[in-house]
Amino acid sequence: SLGSRLPVVRPRSHSRALEAMVRVIIGKPEDPWCEIDLTDEDVEDWKKGIDITEEKLKEVLQLPPITIENCHEREDGDLQWDEITFEEEVNGKYWHALIMALHRVREDFIKKQ
């Protein structure tokens, strides 16, 4: 439950066990497509990081339903993510994993059209 979560104070050199989670919001913050949490461990390995991130995205990503009105924009296969927001400063590995995973999700979506 969110209400009972207390702030955790961590020493600077936090051990691997106390992995910090970074919340990522995909889409406009006021109307996001989805949100996922990533850790340093998730993105540690450049290649595995993409797989892990893609799995997390697929668990939560709600693609807008196809309607007569939007089927043309959908046929272009151009899923626009609008914005990507990390709730804190992250290094390039986070961006790499996320951008590549989103690209895969988009490719996957185009194939299924």
Foldseek 3Di string as FASTA:
>chain_A
DVVPDDDDDADPPHDPVPWDWKKKFWAPPVDTQWIFIDTCVCLVDLVSVLVSLLVRCVVRGDDDDDDPVCVVVVQVLDDDRHDMDIPDDDDPSNVSSNVSSVVVVSVVSNVVD
